[in-house]
């Protein structure tokens, strides 16, 4: 499945990959230094020729022109290097994510045969998509939980938030009698999502919804991140993982890895208000659980 983007697909993929890339190609910087040195040498020789007079002046002018050209090329290479180092803004990645999630929410509505009017929401529930992209008009939206895709690239933004280039997405749509759940894996680079599944869970069958932490064995760690030095995906090396869980009496469970513990601290991935999601769904379960009749 695909969505449209303000940027064409190739440009978007390049921008997203640039955001999550760590290593910077320093070849343009080296070229800039080389051309600058060559320009300085050419200028020194040119002025030396000017002092000799006669035909040497013509050679000096040629060398001076060459020095100017080399200086300009060096400047262009330096600007290329600086542009390469300039990381796309956190807000740009969030806008892409908001647009992707908006498309996924619409698909969830279609597959679950509901509309936003069918949602049972709390009065103070904000719009998760408007929180991601402030340019969006707040609207009635389902609850969204993001987990780690596998494998995925991770990057910490200037705002200190941990972002991924591949997410597990769970859309929770509480209605009067059922909790609609839509799951898929989103590739942020091109806005496509794979392996969508959806189901309606009767409230009386929900036995737990919570956030938990657990220590893990590094050998069993399924989360991977991109290593620029090795140019491949490697184990994240987490000591523990933070998970979002929903369990039912029938054994149908939803489990998403929403954070990792490293060096004694826990870093959660981009948070759309997971604690608020849990409280809201728990409240809906308490209010609606006794009304499920079929």
Protein backbone atom coordinates (compact mmCIF):
# COMPACT_ATOMS: atom_id res chain seq x y z
CA UNK A 1 0.00 0.00 0.00
CA UNK A 2 1.26 3.47 -0.75
CA UNK A 3 0.42 7.04 0.05
CA UNK A 4 1.08 10.27 -1.80
CA UNK A 5 3.75 12.64 -0.53
CA UNK A 6 4.54 16.31 -0.98
CA UNK A 7 7.97 15.21 -2.12
CA UNK A 8 8.35 12.62 -4.85
CA UNK A 9 9.16 9.16 -3.61
CA UNK A 10 12.85 9.24 -4.51
CA UNK A 11 13.40 12.58 -2.79
CA UNK A 12 11.53 11.45 0.31
CA UNK A 13 13.50 8.23 0.56
CA UNK A 14 16.75 10.20 0.26
CA UNK A 15 15.70 12.63 3.00
CA UNK A 16 14.60 9.89 5.40
CA UNK A 17 17.76 7.86 4.84
CA UNK A 18 19.83 11.01 5.38
CA UNK A 19 18.07 11.64 8.72
CA UNK A 20 18.93 8.17 10.01
CA UNK A 21 22.43 7.99 8.52
CA UNK A 22 25.30 8.58 10.91
CA UNK A 23 28.42 8.56 8.73
CA UNK A 24 29.10 11.52 6.47
CA UNK A 25 31.12 11.24 3.27
CA UNK A 26 34.05 13.60 3.80
CA UNK A 27 35.33 13.33 0.21
CA UNK A 28 33.91 16.76 -0.80
CA UNK A 29 35.68 18.33 2.20
CA UNK A 30 39.00 16.76 1.16
CA UNK A 31 38.49 17.99 -2.40
CA UNK A 32 37.71 21.47 -1.08
CA UNK A 33 41.02 21.53 0.83
CA UNK A 34 42.97 20.27 -2.18
CA UNK A 35 41.50 22.86 -4.53
CA UNK A 36 42.06 25.64 -1.98
CA UNK A 37 45.72 24.71 -1.62
CA UNK A 38 46.13 24.51 -5.37
CA UNK A 39 44.51 27.94 -5.73
CA UNK A 40 46.92 29.45 -3.18
CA UNK A 41 49.95 27.91 -4.91
CA UNK A 42 48.73 29.12 -8.31
CA UNK A 43 48.25 32.66 -6.95
CA UNK A 44 51.76 32.72 -5.42
CA UNK A 45 53.32 31.63 -8.73
CA UNK A 46 51.14 34.12 -10.64
CA UNK A 47 52.31 37.09 -8.57
CA UNK A 48 55.90 35.89 -8.96
CA UNK A 49 55.46 35.92 -12.74
CA UNK A 50 53.98 39.42 -12.64
CA UNK A 51 57.23 40.65 -11.10
CA UNK A 52 59.27 39.29 -14.02
CA UNK A 53 57.44 41.41 -16.61
CA UNK A 54 57.18 40.66 -20.34
CA UNK A 55 55.54 37.42 -21.43
CA UNK A 56 55.54 36.24 -17.82
CA UNK A 57 52.65 38.64 -17.18
CA UNK A 58 50.44 36.63 -19.58
CA UNK A 59 51.39 33.43 -17.78
CA UNK A 60 50.67 35.14 -14.47
CA UNK A 61 47.20 36.17 -15.67
CA UNK A 62 46.51 32.59 -16.77
CA UNK A 63 47.64 31.27 -13.41
CA UNK A 64 45.55 33.87 -11.61
CA UNK A 65 42.48 32.86 -13.62
CA UNK A 66 43.21 29.21 -12.83
CA UNK A 67 43.51 30.06 -9.15
CA UNK A 68 40.10 31.73 -9.23
CA UNK A 69 38.53 28.70 -10.92
CA UNK A 70 40.10 26.30 -8.43
CA UNK A 71 39.00 28.48 -5.52
CA UNK A 72 35.43 28.47 -6.86
CA UNK A 73 35.46 24.67 -7.27
CA UNK A 74 36.80 24.32 -3.73
CA UNK A 75 34.04 26.58 -2.43
CA UNK A 76 31.39 24.47 -4.21
CA UNK A 77 32.84 21.28 -2.73
CA UNK A 78 32.79 22.84 0.72
CA UNK A 79 29.13 23.83 0.29
CA UNK A 80 28.35 20.27 -0.86
CA UNK A 81 29.98 18.91 2.26
CA UNK A 82 28.08 21.29 4.52
CA UNK A 83 24.79 20.40 2.84
CA UNK A 84 25.60 16.71 3.27
CA UNK A 85 26.12 17.29 6.98
CA UNK A 86 22.88 19.22 7.38
CA UNK A 87 20.40 16.78 8.85
CA UNK A 88 16.72 17.05 7.88
CA UNK A 89 14.57 18.57 10.61
CA UNK A 90 12.81 16.42 13.20
CA UNK A 91 9.55 18.11 12.16
CA UNK A 92 9.97 16.87 8.59
CA UNK A 93 10.15 13.25 9.74
CA UNK A 94 7.13 13.81 12.00
CA UNK A 95 5.11 15.24 9.09
CA UNK A 96 5.88 12.17 6.99
CA UNK A 97 4.91 9.92 9.88
CA UNK A 98 1.66 11.83 10.49
CA UNK A 99 0.70 11.54 6.81
CA UNK A 100 1.46 7.81 6.81
CA UNK A 101 -0.51 7.21 10.00
CA UNK A 102 -3.44 9.20 8.61
CA UNK A 103 -3.54 6.85 5.61
CA UNK A 104 -3.27 3.80 7.89
CA UNK A 105 -6.12 5.09 10.09
CA UNK A 106 -8.34 5.47 7.01
CA UNK A 107 -7.50 1.90 5.97
CA UNK A 108 -8.29 0.71 9.51
CA UNK A 109 -11.72 2.37 9.27
CA UNK A 110 -12.40 0.60 5.97
CA UNK A 111 -11.33 -2.83 7.19
CA UNK A 112 -13.11 -2.53 10.55
CA UNK A 113 -16.24 -1.09 8.86
CA UNK A 114 -16.43 1.94 11.14
CA UNK A 115 -16.08 5.72 10.96
CA UNK A 116 -14.64 8.26 13.35
CA UNK A 117 -18.20 8.89 14.61
CA UNK A 118 -18.28 5.32 15.95
CA UNK A 119 -15.31 5.91 18.25
CA UNK A 120 -15.92 6.09 22.00
CA UNK A 121 -13.36 8.69 23.10
CA UNK A 122 -12.68 10.64 26.26
CA UNK A 123 -13.49 14.35 26.37
CA UNK A 124 -9.90 15.42 26.87
CA UNK A 125 -8.36 13.11 24.23
CA UNK A 126 -6.11 15.17 21.96
CA UNK A 127 -5.48 14.43 18.30
CA UNK A 128 -2.32 12.27 18.02
CA UNK A 129 -1.76 13.28 14.39
CA UNK A 130 -2.07 16.98 15.22
CA UNK A 131 0.46 16.46 18.00
CA UNK A 132 2.88 15.01 15.44
CA UNK A 133 2.14 17.68 12.83
CA UNK A 134 0.84 20.97 14.33
CA UNK A 135 -0.25 22.14 10.88
CA UNK A 136 -3.04 19.54 10.98
CA UNK A 137 -6.47 20.42 12.29
CA UNK A 138 -7.24 18.41 15.46
CA UNK A 139 -9.87 15.75 14.78
CA UNK A 140 -11.52 12.68 16.29
CA UNK A 141 -8.87 9.99 15.92
CA UNK A 142 -8.33 6.52 17.33
CA UNK A 143 -5.54 5.65 19.75
CA UNK A 144 -2.17 4.95 18.15
CA UNK A 145 0.77 3.00 19.59
CA UNK A 146 4.12 2.76 17.81
CA UNK A 147 6.60 -0.05 18.33
CA UNK A 148 9.94 -0.99 16.81
CA UNK A 149 10.04 -2.57 13.39
CA UNK A 150 12.65 -5.26 12.87
CA UNK A 151 15.18 -4.41 11.69
CA UNK A 152 15.12 -0.63 11.94
CA UNK A 153 17.40 2.38 12.00
CA UNK A 154 17.30 4.54 15.11
CA UNK A 155 18.14 8.23 15.50
CA UNK A 156 17.85 10.68 18.37
CA UNK A 157 16.50 14.02 17.17
CA UNK A 158 17.51 17.49 18.26
CA UNK A 159 14.50 17.41 20.58
CA UNK A 160 15.88 14.34 22.36
CA UNK A 161 13.21 11.97 21.00
CA UNK A 162 14.18 8.56 19.66
CA UNK A 163 12.84 7.97 16.14
CA UNK A 164 12.86 4.90 13.91
CA UNK A 165 12.69 4.40 10.17
CA UNK A 166 10.45 1.35 10.54
CA UNK A 167 7.56 1.06 13.00
CA UNK A 168 5.11 -1.53 14.20
CA UNK A 169 1.79 0.33 14.27
CA UNK A 170 -1.27 -0.56 16.35
CA UNK A 171 -4.47 1.43 15.83
CA UNK A 172 -7.05 1.03 18.62
CA UNK A 173 -10.62 1.95 17.73
CA UNK A 174 -12.92 1.65 20.77
CA UNK A 175 -16.59 1.48 19.75
CA UNK A 176 -19.67 0.82 21.83
CA UNK A 177 -19.44 -2.98 21.82
CA UNK A 178 -16.00 -3.85 20.45
CA UNK A 179 -12.42 -2.73 20.52
CA UNK A 180 -11.27 -2.64 16.91
CA UNK A 181 -7.54 -3.26 16.47
CA UNK A 182 -5.54 -2.77 13.27
CA UNK A 183 -1.84 -3.68 13.09
CA UNK A 184 0.82 -3.30 10.41
CA UNK A 185 4.49 -2.48 9.87
CA UNK A 186 5.27 0.96 8.43
CA UNK A 187 8.33 1.80 6.35
CA UNK A 188 8.93 5.51 6.88
CA UNK A 189 11.31 5.81 3.91
CA UNK A 190 8.58 5.34 1.31
CA UNK A 191 5.35 5.50 3.29
CA UNK A 192 4.32 1.91 2.62
CA UNK A 193 3.02 -0.58 5.14
CA UNK A 194 3.00 -4.36 5.11
CA UNK A 195 1.26 -7.30 6.76
CA UNK A 196 -1.89 -5.50 7.90
CA UNK A 197 -4.16 -7.45 10.25
CA UNK A 198 -7.36 -6.36 11.95
CA UNK A 199 -9.82 -7.77 14.43
CA UNK A 200 -12.69 -6.79 16.70
CA UNK A 201 -12.28 -7.77 20.36
CA UNK A 202 -15.28 -7.86 22.67
CA UNK A 203 -14.60 -5.88 25.83
CA UNK A 204 -15.49 -8.77 28.09
CA UNK A 205 -12.60 -10.74 26.55
CA UNK A 206 -9.93 -8.16 27.41
CA UNK A 207 -8.09 -9.19 30.57
CA UNK A 208 -5.12 -6.75 30.61
CA UNK A 209 -3.68 -3.72 28.88
CA UNK A 210 -0.43 -2.36 30.23
CA UNK A 211 3.17 -1.27 29.77
CA UNK A 212 5.92 -3.50 31.15
CA UNK A 213 9.70 -3.85 31.24
CA UNK A 214 11.72 -7.04 31.09
CA UNK A 215 15.40 -7.92 31.04
CA UNK A 216 16.55 -9.76 27.96
CA UNK A 217 19.43 -11.92 26.89
CA UNK A 218 21.44 -10.17 24.20
CA UNK A 219 21.36 -13.35 22.11
CA UNK A 220 17.57 -13.23 22.15
CA UNK A 221 17.37 -9.53 21.33
CA UNK A 222 15.31 -9.19 18.16
CA UNK A 223 15.71 -5.41 17.87
CA UNK A 224 18.38 -4.35 15.43
CA UNK A 225 19.83 -0.99 14.47
CA UNK A 226 21.92 0.24 11.56
CA UNK A 227 25.68 0.33 12.11
CA UNK A 228 27.38 2.82 9.78
CA UNK A 229 30.88 1.48 10.40
CA UNK A 230 29.93 -2.07 9.41
CA UNK A 231 27.32 -0.92 6.89
CA UNK A 232 24.84 -3.50 8.15
CA UNK A 233 22.16 -4.12 10.78
CA UNK A 234 23.41 -5.33 14.16
CA UNK A 235 21.77 -6.19 17.50
CA UNK A 236 20.76 -3.13 19.47
CA UNK A 237 22.60 -4.41 22.52
CA UNK A 238 19.75 -3.54 24.86
CA UNK A 239 19.74 -4.75 28.47
CA UNK A 240 15.96 -4.71 28.65
CA UNK A 241 12.95 -3.76 26.57
CA UNK A 242 9.82 -1.75 27.34
CA UNK A 243 6.66 -3.33 25.94
CA UNK A 244 3.04 -2.38 25.38
CA UNK A 245 0.74 -5.36 25.91
CA UNK A 246 -2.92 -6.21 25.45
CA UNK A 247 -4.11 -9.67 26.48
CA UNK A 248 -7.45 -11.39 26.00
CA UNK A 249 -9.06 -14.41 27.58
CA UNK A 250 -8.92 -16.21 24.24
CA UNK A 251 -5.16 -15.96 24.08
CA UNK A 252 -5.14 -13.30 21.33
CA UNK A 253 -2.50 -10.82 22.44
CA UNK A 254 -0.87 -7.65 21.13
CA UNK A 255 2.71 -6.96 22.10
CA UNK A 256 4.81 -4.05 20.81
CA UNK A 257 8.36 -3.11 21.80
CA UNK A 258 8.13 0.61 22.55
CA UNK A 259 11.53 1.25 24.14
CA UNK A 260 14.93 -0.15 25.01
CA UNK A 261 17.09 -0.02 28.11
CA UNK A 262 20.74 0.86 27.62
CA UNK A 263 23.39 1.70 30.26
CA UNK A 264 20.89 1.81 33.09
CA UNK A 265 18.40 4.11 31.35
CA UNK A 266 15.32 3.41 29.25
CA UNK A 267 14.72 5.23 25.98
CA UNK A 268 11.25 5.06 24.52
CA UNK A 269 10.60 5.41 20.83
CA UNK A 270 8.45 8.24 19.53
CA UNK A 271 5.60 8.43 22.06
CA UNK A 272 2.09 9.40 20.96
CA UNK A 273 0.90 9.29 24.56
CA UNK A 274 1.06 5.60 25.42
CA UNK A 275 0.16 6.13 29.08
CA UNK A 276 -2.83 8.20 28.00
CA UNK A 277 -3.82 5.46 25.55
CA UNK A 278 -3.72 2.84 28.32
CA UNK A 279 -5.77 4.96 30.74
CA UNK A 280 -8.35 5.82 28.10
CA UNK A 281 -8.84 2.24 26.91
CA UNK A 282 -9.00 1.00 30.49
CA UNK A 283 -11.73 3.54 31.16
CA UNK A 284 -13.64 2.47 28.06
CA UNK A 285 -13.29 -1.13 29.18
CA UNK A 286 -14.75 -0.27 32.58
CA UNK A 287 -17.60 1.73 31.08
CA UNK A 288 -18.43 -0.56 28.17
CA UNK A 289 -17.42 -3.99 29.37
CA UNK A 290 -20.78 -4.85 30.86
CA UNK A 291 -22.67 -3.79 27.74
CA UNK A 292 -21.13 -6.33 25.33
CA UNK A 293 -23.83 -8.80 24.53
CA UNK A 294 -22.57 -10.77 21.49
